[in-house]
Amino acid sequence: MLRKPIIFCFTAIFLLCGSQALAGGGQSYPNGSEAFMAGAVPPPGTYFLDYAYYYSADSMKDNNGDSIAAFDDVSVLANVFRLLWVSDKQILGGNYAAHAFLPVLDIDLKFKAPVGPGSKSKYSDTSIPYVIVNPFILAWHLQEGKLHIVATPADIYIPTGQDDGNMASVGHNFWTFEPVIGITYMTGGWEFSGKFMYDFNTTQDDYATVYGVEVDRDPGQEFHFDYSASYAINPTLRIGLNGYFYTQVTDDKYKIDSSIPAPVQALLKRDEGNHSQVFAMGPGIWYNHKNMFFSLRNQWEMAAKNKTEGYNVWAKFTYAF
């Protein structure tokens, strides 16, 4: 039976922000994590990559792109460790490669009114959301080094569990299968890159909603890409623009039953068709010193729907063994 505090929570959210959940889709991939030469896999060898990430937003948008009054702010601090191995063996003319990621995230989420299963205005969590593995990647270097392509059937996001009832839970408790193709074209000092992805998500149990109930759901499928355009000041230094576009392609599906109060059922059914989307752009710099590569980038979000709208900072380090 629904407790009275949760009923009050639901009423407050309905009045303040209408029938909007936090966000749709799975949104497992950290948008904007790749930029400079995203399609250019390095030569055969072993590489360690480290991604440091900060995200902040004090605005959450509804299905019309308007701000939701009950939302306060969210901040995310993350570090992602990646190991990449590139072989000299070729399949279909491309070098065979494999990689694995281990991300660590810290999330602080605040509202201006009590929301969610905990009927709280603040949620936080620090954990490992998933492990990403991919044992089959192919990379091509064409047109005398001008055109680079990388492709894979799927990066596989293996969940590590979730903190049930926590709206800031780092873990999502569902699998994501993400086909990827990356393209880089370089000419006359210019570099143009795009990394294109499509996400298929499995069922998530006990998804925490703002309405004070937990419900199983099938997150919608998603299309998104990272992009960059840069110019070489000299052989070791580049500056340019980078960013990302994300859109949810199919509806979320909630497993609604009689244990959920009828008014909340209606809100959840309405939320199923509210697709998340966002576009981002910002400056970046890339530097190479011997067997090490550094980049620092900033991205500002705009045109968001059904998700937060803020900015982020990415710092990436690559070491070639």
Protein backbone atom coordinates (compact mmCIF):
# COMPACT_ATOMS: atom_id res chain seq x y z
CA MET A 1 0.00 0.00 0.00
CA LEU A 2 1.25 3.49 -0.83
CA ARG A 3 2.27 5.41 2.31
CA LYS A 4 0.88 8.90 3.02
CA PRO A 5 4.26 10.68 2.69
CA ILE A 6 4.63 9.23 -0.78
CA ILE A 7 1.12 10.41 -1.70
CA PHE A 8 2.10 13.94 -0.55
CA CYS A 9 5.32 13.61 -2.56
CA PHE A 10 3.39 12.64 -5.67
CA THR A 11 1.00 15.58 -5.24
CA ALA A 12 3.83 18.08 -4.87
CA ILE A 13 5.59 16.84 -7.97
CA PHE A 14 2.38 16.82 -10.00
CA LEU A 15 1.77 20.47 -9.09
CA LEU A 16 5.37 21.61 -9.59
CA CYS A 17 6.48 19.81 -12.69
CA GLY A 18 3.61 17.99 -14.31
CA SER A 19 3.84 14.42 -15.52
CA GLN A 20 7.56 14.19 -16.17
CA ALA A 21 9.97 11.48 -15.07
CA LEU A 22 13.69 12.25 -14.78
CA ALA A 23 14.67 11.02 -18.22
CA GLY A 24 13.82 8.36 -20.75
CA GLY A 25 15.98 5.75 -22.44
CA GLY A 26 18.96 4.01 -20.89
CA GLN A 27 21.56 6.78 -21.31
CA SER A 28 24.41 4.45 -20.40
CA TYR A 29 26.99 6.00 -22.72
CA PRO A 30 28.72 9.14 -21.37
CA ASN A 31 27.90 11.55 -24.20
CA GLY A 32 30.87 13.50 -25.54
CA SER A 33 33.54 11.16 -24.22
CA GLU A 34 35.24 10.97 -27.65
CA ALA A 35 36.17 13.81 -29.99
CA PHE A 36 39.59 14.36 -31.62
CA MET A 37 40.26 11.59 -34.18
CA ALA A 38 37.46 9.41 -32.80
CA GLY A 39 37.63 7.10 -35.82
CA ALA A 40 41.42 6.79 -35.93
CA VAL A 41 42.48 3.75 -33.91
CA PRO A 42 46.23 3.93 -33.13
CA PRO A 43 48.83 1.53 -34.62
CA PRO A 44 49.22 -2.03 -33.29
CA GLY A 45 50.15 -2.03 -29.61
CA THR A 46 48.76 -1.72 -26.08
CA TYR A 47 47.34 1.56 -24.77
CA PHE A 48 46.09 2.85 -21.43
CA LEU A 49 43.49 5.61 -21.53
CA ASP A 50 42.08 7.63 -18.66
CA TYR A 51 39.01 9.87 -18.93
CA ALA A 52 38.23 12.39 -16.14
CA TYR A 53 34.75 13.92 -16.33
CA TYR A 54 32.70 16.59 -14.57
CA TYR A 55 29.07 17.43 -15.36
CA SER A 56 26.81 20.03 -13.77
CA ALA A 57 23.24 21.11 -14.52
CA ASP A 58 20.76 23.34 -12.68
CA SER A 59 17.98 22.90 -15.22
CA MET A 60 15.86 19.92 -16.21
CA LYS A 61 13.63 20.19 -19.28
CA ASP A 62 10.21 18.66 -19.88
CA ASN A 63 8.74 17.31 -23.12
CA ASN A 64 8.27 20.86 -24.44
CA GLY A 65 11.80 21.96 -23.55
CA ASP A 66 10.58 24.05 -20.59
CA SER A 67 12.29 23.96 -17.18
CA ILE A 68 10.80 21.73 -14.49
CA ALA A 69 10.25 23.86 -11.38
CA ALA A 70 10.85 21.12 -8.80
CA PHE A 71 14.38 20.32 -10.03
CA ASP A 72 17.32 21.94 -8.26
CA ASP A 73 20.67 20.64 -9.60
CA VAL A 74 22.80 17.60 -10.36
CA SER A 75 26.55 17.12 -10.41
CA VAL A 76 28.52 14.13 -11.68
CA LEU A 77 32.20 13.41 -11.12
CA ALA A 78 33.70 10.40 -12.88
CA ASN A 79 36.89 8.67 -13.85
CA VAL A 80 36.98 6.01 -16.55
CA PHE A 81 39.88 3.59 -17.00
CA ARG A 82 40.27 1.97 -20.43
CA LEU A 83 42.67 -0.63 -21.79
CA LEU A 84 42.96 -0.91 -25.59
CA TRP A 85 44.85 -3.59 -27.50
CA VAL A 86 45.39 -3.31 -31.28
CA SER A 87 46.67 -6.32 -33.18
CA ASP A 88 48.73 -6.45 -36.37
CA LYS A 89 46.39 -9.22 -37.61
CA GLN A 90 43.89 -8.10 -40.22
CA ILE A 91 40.32 -9.18 -40.93
CA LEU A 92 38.57 -7.81 -44.05
CA GLY A 93 41.51 -5.44 -44.44
CA GLY A 94 41.12 -3.92 -40.96
CA ASN A 95 43.26 -4.36 -37.86
CA TYR A 96 41.68 -6.52 -35.16
CA ALA A 97 41.39 -4.85 -31.73
CA ALA A 98 39.70 -5.25 -28.33
CA HIS A 99 39.10 -3.02 -25.33
CA ALA A 100 37.60 -2.83 -21.82
CA PHE A 101 36.40 0.07 -19.62
CA LEU A 102 36.01 0.46 -15.86
CA PRO A 103 34.13 3.65 -14.86
CA VAL A 104 33.75 5.06 -11.34
CA LEU A 105 31.01 7.69 -10.79
CA ASP A 106 29.82 9.99 -8.03
CA ILE A 107 26.38 11.60 -8.42
CA ASP A 108 24.62 14.26 -6.30
CA LEU A 109 21.00 14.99 -7.23
CA LYS A 110 18.82 17.67 -5.59
CA PHE A 111 15.17 18.72 -5.88
CA LYS A 112 13.23 21.64 -4.44
CA ALA A 113 10.61 19.28 -3.02
CA PRO A 114 10.62 15.72 -1.65
CA VAL A 115 10.43 13.22 -4.52
CA GLY A 116 10.99 9.58 -5.28
CA PRO A 117 10.70 6.35 -3.28
CA GLY A 118 12.65 7.92 -0.40
CA SER A 119 10.47 11.05 -0.38
CA LYS A 120 13.67 13.11 -0.18
CA SER A 121 14.95 16.29 -1.82
CA LYS A 122 18.53 15.00 -2.09
CA TYR A 123 19.96 11.72 -3.40
CA SER A 124 23.59 10.68 -3.90
CA ASP A 125 25.63 7.61 -4.82
CA THR A 126 29.21 6.58 -5.59
CA SER A 127 29.85 3.30 -7.36
CA ILE A 128 30.85 1.43 -10.51
CA PRO A 129 27.81 1.51 -12.86
CA TYR A 130 28.95 -1.21 -15.26
CA VAL A 131 31.93 -2.73 -17.00
CA ILE A 132 32.22 -2.25 -20.78
CA VAL A 133 33.88 -4.98 -22.84
CA ASN A 134 34.34 -5.55 -26.55
CA PRO A 135 36.36 -8.49 -27.91
CA PHE A 136 35.87 -7.67 -31.60
CA ILE A 137 36.78 -4.31 -33.16
CA LEU A 138 38.06 -3.65 -36.69
CA ALA A 139 40.01 -0.54 -37.72
CA TRP A 140 40.86 0.60 -41.25
CA HIS A 141 43.37 3.24 -42.40
CA LEU A 142 42.63 4.27 -45.99
CA GLN A 143 43.50 6.86 -48.65
CA GLU A 144 47.13 7.08 -47.54
CA GLY A 145 46.20 7.96 -43.98
CA LYS A 146 43.50 10.50 -44.75
CA LEU A 147 40.49 8.30 -43.97
CA HIS A 148 40.18 6.20 -40.81
CA ILE A 149 37.23 3.96 -39.90
CA VAL A 150 36.54 1.84 -36.81
CA ALA A 151 33.53 -0.46 -36.46
CA THR A 152 32.20 -3.07 -34.07
CA PRO A 153 29.00 -5.12 -33.71
CA ALA A 154 28.61 -3.96 -30.11
CA ASP A 155 30.22 -2.52 -27.04
CA ILE A 156 28.67 -4.54 -24.20
CA TYR A 157 27.71 -2.78 -20.95
CA ILE A 158 27.65 -5.35 -18.15
CA PRO A 159 25.69 -4.04 -15.12
CA THR A 160 27.03 -4.22 -11.58
CA GLY A 161 23.65 -3.73 -9.87
CA GLN A 162 21.86 -0.67 -8.55
CA ASP A 163 20.94 1.01 -5.28
CA ASP A 164 17.17 0.37 -5.28
CA GLY A 165 15.05 3.35 -4.30
CA ASN A 166 17.91 5.79 -4.91
CA MET A 167 17.11 8.23 -7.71
CA ALA A 168 20.84 9.01 -8.01
CA SER A 169 21.80 5.33 -8.29
CA VAL A 170 24.98 5.05 -10.35
CA GLY A 171 24.15 1.48 -11.36
CA HIS A 172 21.19 0.95 -13.70
CA ASN A 173 20.78 -2.81 -13.42
CA PHE A 174 20.30 -3.45 -17.16
CA TRP A 175 22.49 -4.46 -20.06
CA THR A 176 23.22 -2.24 -23.07
CA PHE A 177 24.40 -3.50 -26.49
CA GLU A 178 25.83 -0.67 -28.57
CA PRO A 179 26.93 -1.04 -32.23
CA VAL A 180 29.55 1.61 -33.06
CA ILE A 181 31.09 3.12 -36.18
CA GLY A 182 33.70 5.88 -36.00
CA ILE A 183 35.02 7.94 -38.93
CA THR A 184 37.91 10.41 -39.11
CA TYR A 185 38.95 12.35 -42.22
CA MET A 186 42.16 14.39 -42.20
CA THR A 187 43.31 16.82 -44.89
CA GLY A 188 45.44 19.99 -44.99
CA GLY A 189 45.79 20.16 -41.22
CA TRP A 190 42.06 19.73 -40.69
CA GLU A 191 40.44 16.81 -38.86
CA PHE A 192 36.75 15.89 -38.94
CA SER A 193 35.48 13.03 -36.80
CA GLY A 194 32.24 11.36 -35.77
CA LYS A 195 31.49 8.40 -33.55
CA PHE A 196 27.99 7.04 -34.23
CA MET A 197 26.18 4.68 -31.84
CA TYR A 198 22.80 2.96 -31.43
CA ASP A 199 21.81 1.49 -28.05
CA PHE A 200 19.65 -1.57 -27.32
CA ASN A 201 18.75 -1.92 -23.63
CA THR A 202 17.41 -4.88 -21.66
CA THR A 203 14.73 -4.70 -18.93
CA GLN A 204 15.50 -2.70 -15.79
CA ASP A 205 13.97 -3.93 -12.53
CA ASP A 206 12.81 -1.51 -9.82
CA TYR A 207 13.35 1.78 -11.66
CA ALA A 208 12.95 4.62 -9.13
CA THR A 209 10.45 7.25 -10.34
CA VAL A 210 9.74 10.76 -9.05
CA TYR A 211 6.22 9.60 -8.23
CA GLY A 212 7.37 7.59 -5.22
CA VAL A 213 7.09 4.12 -6.74
CA GLU A 214 9.60 1.68 -8.20
CA VAL A 215 8.58 -0.03 -11.42
CA ASP A 216 10.17 -2.40 -13.93
CA ARG A 217 10.71 -0.85 -17.34
CA ASP A 218 12.18 -1.46 -20.78
CA PRO A 219 14.31 1.63 -21.56
CA GLY A 220 13.84 2.95 -25.09
CA GLN A 221 16.43 2.54 -27.83
CA GLU A 222 18.77 5.47 -28.50
CA PHE A 223 20.81 7.02 -31.31
CA HIS A 224 23.68 9.36 -30.50
CA PHE A 225 27.01 10.59 -31.84
CA ASP A 226 30.10 12.47 -30.69
CA TYR A 227 31.77 14.83 -33.18
CA SER A 228 34.78 17.09 -33.58
CA ALA A 229 36.39 19.45 -36.08
CA SER A 230 39.95 20.60 -35.37
CA TYR A 231 42.96 22.24 -36.96
CA ALA A 232 46.64 21.42 -36.37
CA ILE A 233 48.56 24.48 -35.15
CA ASN A 234 51.65 22.30 -35.44
CA PRO A 235 52.28 18.50 -35.51
CA THR A 236 51.75 18.19 -31.73
CA LEU A 237 48.96 20.69 -31.05
CA ARG A 238 45.34 20.91 -32.22
CA ILE A 239 42.41 23.18 -31.35
CA GLY A 240 38.82 22.79 -32.41
CA LEU A 241 35.13 22.34 -31.66
CA ASN A 242 33.53 19.19 -30.30
CA GLY A 243 30.23 17.98 -28.92
CA TYR A 244 27.46 15.45 -29.19
CA PHE A 245 23.87 14.79 -30.18
CA TYR A 246 21.60 12.34 -28.36
CA THR A 247 18.01 11.30 -29.06
CA GLN A 248 15.77 8.56 -27.76
CA VAL A 249 14.28 6.65 -30.71
CA THR A 250 11.65 4.33 -29.16
CA ASP A 251 9.33 4.63 -26.16
CA ASP A 252 10.10 3.45 -22.66
CA LYS A 253 7.76 0.67 -21.57
CA TYR A 254 6.71 0.45 -17.92
CA LYS A 255 5.46 -2.81 -16.36
CA ILE A 256 2.35 -1.30 -14.78
CA ASP A 257 0.06 -3.38 -12.55
CA SER A 258 -2.68 -2.89 -9.95
CA SER A 259 -0.16 -2.34 -7.13
CA ILE A 260 0.45 1.16 -8.54
CA PRO A 261 -2.25 3.78 -7.76
CA ALA A 262 -4.38 4.68 -10.78
CA PRO A 263 -3.26 8.36 -10.94
CA VAL A 264 0.39 7.28 -10.99
CA GLN A 265 -0.38 4.66 -13.64
CA ALA A 266 -1.74 7.43 -15.88
CA LEU A 267 1.37 9.56 -15.38
CA LEU A 268 3.70 6.65 -16.14
CA LYS A 269 1.78 5.78 -19.32
CA ARG A 270 2.06 9.39 -20.45
CA ASP A 271 5.80 9.42 -19.69
CA GLU A 272 6.40 6.38 -21.92
CA GLY A 273 6.20 8.54 -25.04
CA ASN A 274 8.37 11.40 -23.74
CA HIS A 275 11.68 10.89 -25.54
CA SER A 276 14.91 12.42 -24.20
CA GLN A 277 17.20 14.47 -26.45
CA VAL A 278 20.03 16.99 -26.24
CA PHE A 279 22.71 18.70 -28.36
CA ALA A 280 26.06 20.00 -27.09
CA MET A 281 29.03 21.99 -28.41
CA GLY A 282 32.23 23.48 -27.03
CA PRO A 283 35.97 24.13 -27.52
CA GLY A 284 38.79 21.63 -27.14
CA ILE A 285 42.57 21.31 -27.26
CA TRP A 286 44.73 18.25 -28.05
CA TYR A 287 48.46 17.80 -27.39
CA ASN A 288 50.95 15.01 -28.15
CA HIS A 289 54.28 14.48 -26.40
CA LYS A 290 56.28 11.40 -27.41
CA ASN A 291 54.13 8.35 -26.49
CA MET A 292 51.54 10.39 -24.54
CA PHE A 293 48.43 12.24 -25.70
CA PHE A 294 46.40 14.80 -23.77
CA SER A 295 43.11 16.55 -24.49
CA LEU A 296 40.92 18.99 -22.57
CA ARG A 297 37.40 19.78 -23.72
CA ASN A 298 34.28 21.65 -22.61
CA GLN A 299 30.73 21.07 -23.90
CA TRP A 300 27.57 23.12 -23.30
CA GLU A 301 24.17 21.49 -23.71
CA MET A 302 21.16 23.02 -25.47
CA ALA A 303 17.77 22.03 -26.93
CA ALA A 304 17.26 19.42 -24.19
CA LYS A 305 13.97 17.58 -23.71
CA ASN A 306 13.06 15.20 -20.89
CA LYS A 307 16.53 15.44 -19.35
CA THR A 308 18.91 17.83 -17.65
CA GLU A 309 20.61 20.67 -19.55
CA GLY A 310 24.03 21.76 -18.33
CA TYR A 311 27.73 21.62 -19.21
CA ASN A 312 30.66 19.25 -18.81
CA VAL A 313 34.45 19.12 -18.82
CA TRP A 314 36.45 16.18 -20.22
CA ALA A 315 40.17 15.55 -19.64
CA LYS A 316 41.63 12.56 -21.50
CA PHE A 317 45.07 10.98 -21.20
CA THR A 318 46.48 8.24 -23.47
CA TYR A 319 49.70 6.33 -22.87
CA ALA A 320 51.18 4.08 -25.53
CA PHE A 321 53.28 1.21 -24.11
